[in-house]
Amino acid sequence: MEERLSPKRPSDLNPANLLTLLRLVLVPVFAVFLLEGRALPAFLVFGVATLTDWLDGWMARRFGWVTALGVFIDPLADKALQLTAFTLLAWRDHCPDWMAVLAWSRELLVVAGFALLALVAQLRTVKPSWLGKVSTFAQMASLALLLGLRAFGGTEFHENRVLLLLGVAVLLNFASGMEYAVKGFRAYEALQGHPDRRA
């Protein structure tokens, strides 16, 4: 009779989490290159970091390497990369300031909404909406295109088209952040209207 082995908890230092940690390490490297005006290295580092974002998620699901640490640091690394890109691109006048402001505001909305959901509804994880997934992908792709045009000498015509795509992606991503905030406030209002929970 074949003995069934009990599943073991995956190590926090599994390859998927190590790739995520690499993405966090690459964020300041990317920032330095962008601040120094070294467009090609900045683009390459951003590209590698973006690739690890896809790869670590696939590895975690494929090999059962999903851990609490990974669930926490993966979105942290994503947001650190995106917000760094928006902040520095706006600071160097490569994209409008309002894009950076909306990008930061969106994350504040998500944090506020998640905090309310965690406090009121006792939720520890919130499934991303399809709008959040699509807009985040479009945002990352547009940032990569913008950095690529800067690295390889794209024309003003093409850069304006990419900025248009990036602006649409930012607006959609902001809307997805509003979803989190609305869910959180609705959960809070529901609690306030429940006499047993107020007691």
Protein backbone atom coordinates (compact mmCIF):
# COMPACT_ATOMS: atom_id res chain seq x y z
CA MET A 1 0.00 0.00 0.00
CA GLU A 2 1.44 3.34 -1.01
CA GLU A 3 1.82 5.79 1.84
CA ARG A 4 0.41 9.26 1.19
CA LEU A 5 2.78 12.01 2.25
CA SER A 6 1.32 15.06 3.99
CA PRO A 7 1.86 18.29 2.07
CA LYS A 8 4.66 20.44 3.43
CA ARG A 9 4.46 24.18 3.84
CA PRO A 10 6.62 25.77 1.14
CA SER A 11 9.70 27.63 2.31
CA ASP A 12 9.60 31.42 2.30
CA LEU A 13 12.93 31.30 0.47
CA ASN A 14 11.52 29.47 -2.53
CA PRO A 15 12.51 30.58 -6.07
CA ALA A 16 9.24 32.47 -6.63
CA ASN A 17 9.74 34.64 -3.54
CA LEU A 18 13.40 35.15 -4.38
CA LEU A 19 12.36 36.52 -7.78
CA THR A 20 9.96 38.88 -6.04
CA LEU A 21 12.75 40.04 -3.72
CA LEU A 22 14.93 40.57 -6.79
CA ARG A 23 12.24 42.86 -8.18
CA LEU A 24 12.34 44.90 -4.98
CA VAL A 25 16.13 45.17 -5.23
CA LEU A 26 15.86 46.29 -8.86
CA VAL A 27 13.59 49.22 -7.97
CA PRO A 28 16.36 51.48 -6.56
CA VAL A 29 18.67 50.39 -9.40
CA PHE A 30 16.02 51.46 -11.90
CA ALA A 31 15.55 54.73 -10.02
CA VAL A 32 19.26 55.58 -10.14
CA PHE A 33 19.49 54.90 -13.88
CA LEU A 34 16.39 57.01 -14.55
CA LEU A 35 17.63 59.88 -12.38
CA GLU A 36 20.98 59.84 -14.17
CA GLY A 37 19.24 59.97 -17.55
CA ARG A 38 20.60 56.57 -18.59
CA ALA A 39 17.56 55.57 -20.61
CA LEU A 40 18.72 52.21 -21.97
CA PRO A 41 19.83 50.69 -18.64
CA ALA A 42 16.65 52.02 -17.02
CA PHE A 43 14.54 50.37 -19.71
CA LEU A 44 16.39 47.06 -19.42
CA VAL A 45 16.10 46.97 -15.62
CA PHE A 46 12.39 47.83 -15.83
CA GLY A 47 11.92 45.08 -18.39
CA VAL A 48 13.66 42.48 -16.23
CA ALA A 49 11.66 43.56 -13.18
CA THR A 50 8.41 43.33 -15.14
CA LEU A 51 9.35 39.87 -16.38
CA THR A 52 9.93 38.66 -12.81
CA ASP A 53 6.43 39.90 -11.95
CA TRP A 54 4.92 37.43 -14.41
CA LEU A 55 7.41 34.65 -13.72
CA ASP A 56 7.19 34.59 -9.93
CA GLY A 57 3.39 34.36 -10.03
CA TRP A 58 3.49 31.52 -12.55
CA MET A 59 6.12 29.61 -10.54
CA ALA A 60 4.22 30.04 -7.28
CA ARG A 61 1.04 28.60 -8.79
CA ARG A 62 2.76 25.90 -10.85
CA PHE A 63 4.94 24.47 -8.09
CA GLY A 64 2.82 25.23 -5.03
CA TRP A 65 5.17 27.91 -3.69
CA VAL A 66 2.43 30.29 -2.56
CA THR A 67 3.31 31.66 0.89
CA ALA A 68 2.06 34.43 3.17
CA LEU A 69 5.33 36.27 2.58
CA GLY A 70 4.91 36.04 -1.18
CA VAL A 71 1.31 37.25 -1.03
CA PHE A 72 2.53 40.28 0.93
CA ILE A 73 5.70 41.25 -0.94
CA ASP A 74 4.50 40.59 -4.51
CA PRO A 75 2.05 43.52 -4.68
CA LEU A 76 4.49 45.59 -2.63
CA ALA A 77 7.20 45.07 -5.26
CA ASP A 78 4.74 45.82 -8.08
CA LYS A 79 3.61 49.09 -6.52
CA ALA A 80 7.14 50.14 -5.64
CA LEU A 81 8.22 49.69 -9.27
CA GLN A 82 5.19 51.45 -10.76
CA LEU A 83 5.13 54.37 -8.34
CA THR A 84 8.87 54.91 -8.68
CA ALA A 85 8.50 54.98 -12.46
CA PHE A 86 5.59 57.44 -12.37
CA THR A 87 7.23 59.72 -9.81
CA LEU A 88 10.58 59.98 -11.59
CA LEU A 89 9.12 60.19 -15.09
CA ALA A 90 6.92 63.07 -13.96
CA TRP A 91 9.82 64.71 -12.13
CA ARG A 92 11.90 64.59 -15.32
CA ASP A 93 8.91 65.88 -17.37
CA HIS A 94 8.60 62.63 -19.34
CA CYS A 95 4.95 62.24 -18.34
CA PRO A 96 2.31 64.65 -16.97
CA ASP A 97 2.29 65.23 -13.21
CA TRP A 98 -1.38 64.26 -12.95
CA MET A 99 -0.53 60.68 -13.88
CA ALA A 100 1.82 60.36 -10.92
CA VAL A 101 -0.73 62.01 -8.63
CA LEU A 102 -3.49 59.62 -9.73
CA ALA A 103 -1.16 56.62 -9.43
CA TRP A 104 -0.36 57.52 -5.82
CA SER A 105 -3.99 58.42 -5.04
CA ARG A 106 -5.15 55.07 -6.38
CA GLU A 107 -2.89 53.20 -3.99
CA LEU A 108 -4.11 55.28 -1.06
CA LEU A 109 -7.69 54.40 -2.03
CA VAL A 110 -6.80 50.71 -2.18
CA VAL A 111 -5.12 50.84 1.23
CA ALA A 112 -8.10 52.67 2.75
CA GLY A 113 -10.60 50.25 1.22
CA PHE A 114 -8.63 47.17 2.23
CA ALA A 115 -8.12 48.50 5.77
CA LEU A 116 -11.88 48.94 6.18
CA LEU A 117 -12.60 45.50 4.73
CA ALA A 118 -10.02 43.91 7.03
CA LEU A 119 -11.41 45.73 10.06
CA VAL A 120 -15.12 45.39 9.36
CA ALA A 121 -15.50 42.24 7.28
CA GLN A 122 -12.46 40.44 8.76
CA LEU A 123 -11.03 39.92 5.28
CA ARG A 124 -7.31 39.27 4.97
CA THR A 125 -7.17 39.06 1.18
CA VAL A 126 -9.26 40.74 -1.51
CA LYS A 127 -9.51 39.27 -4.97
CA PRO A 128 -8.42 41.81 -7.61
CA SER A 129 -11.16 42.89 -10.01
CA TRP A 130 -10.88 42.32 -13.73
CA LEU A 131 -10.62 46.09 -14.19
CA GLY A 132 -7.69 46.22 -11.79
CA LYS A 133 -5.89 43.39 -13.55
CA VAL A 134 -6.41 44.76 -17.07
CA SER A 135 -5.57 48.35 -16.17
CA THR A 136 -2.46 47.34 -14.23
CA PHE A 137 -1.22 45.30 -17.20
CA ALA A 138 -1.95 48.20 -19.57
CA GLN A 139 -0.18 50.59 -17.22
CA MET A 140 2.96 48.44 -17.01
CA ALA A 141 3.01 47.86 -20.77
CA SER A 142 2.62 51.59 -21.48
CA LEU A 143 5.39 52.46 -19.03
CA ALA A 144 7.66 49.92 -20.72
CA LEU A 145 6.84 51.38 -24.14
CA LEU A 146 7.53 54.92 -22.93
CA LEU A 147 10.86 53.88 -21.44
CA GLY A 148 11.68 51.97 -24.62
CA LEU A 149 11.02 55.02 -26.78
CA ARG A 150 13.29 57.04 -24.50
CA ALA A 151 15.98 54.37 -24.76
CA PHE A 152 15.88 53.91 -28.52
CA GLY A 153 15.13 57.45 -29.64
CA GLY A 154 11.43 57.31 -30.49
CA THR A 155 9.76 60.22 -32.21
CA GLU A 156 7.55 62.76 -30.45
CA PHE A 157 4.60 61.42 -32.45
CA HIS A 158 5.00 57.91 -31.06
CA GLU A 159 5.72 59.19 -27.56
CA ASN A 160 2.50 61.21 -27.54
CA ARG A 161 0.54 58.12 -28.61
CA VAL A 162 2.07 56.07 -25.81
CA LEU A 163 1.33 58.84 -23.30
CA LEU A 164 -2.29 58.74 -24.44
CA LEU A 165 -2.43 54.99 -23.81
CA LEU A 166 -0.72 55.47 -20.46
CA GLY A 167 -3.22 58.16 -19.48
CA VAL A 168 -6.17 55.87 -20.25
CA ALA A 169 -4.54 53.06 -18.26
CA VAL A 170 -3.95 55.37 -15.28
CA LEU A 171 -7.58 56.53 -15.31
CA LEU A 172 -8.86 52.95 -15.46
CA ASN A 173 -6.49 51.91 -12.70
CA PHE A 174 -7.71 54.80 -10.56
CA ALA A 175 -11.28 53.64 -11.17
CA SER A 176 -10.33 50.16 -9.98
CA GLY A 177 -8.92 51.72 -6.82
CA MET A 178 -12.26 53.43 -6.26
CA GLU A 179 -13.85 49.97 -6.30
CA TYR A 180 -11.78 48.93 -3.28
CA ALA A 181 -12.67 52.12 -1.41
CA VAL A 182 -16.39 51.76 -2.20
CA LYS A 183 -16.41 48.13 -1.04
CA GLY A 184 -14.71 49.15 2.20
CA PHE A 185 -17.11 52.02 2.91
CA ARG A 186 -20.15 49.87 2.08
CA ALA A 187 -18.94 47.22 4.50
CA TYR A 188 -18.47 49.91 7.14
CA GLU A 189 -21.95 51.34 6.53
CA ALA A 190 -23.43 47.84 6.75
CA LEU A 191 -21.75 47.38 10.12
CA GLN A 192 -23.05 50.73 11.37
CA GLY A 193 -26.57 49.69 10.41
CA HIS A 194 -26.37 46.33 12.22
CA PRO A 195 -27.40 46.74 15.89
CA ASP A 196 -25.73 43.50 17.03
CA ARG A 197 -22.36 44.48 15.58
CA ARG A 198 -22.52 48.02 17.07
CA ALA A 199 -23.12 46.71 20.56
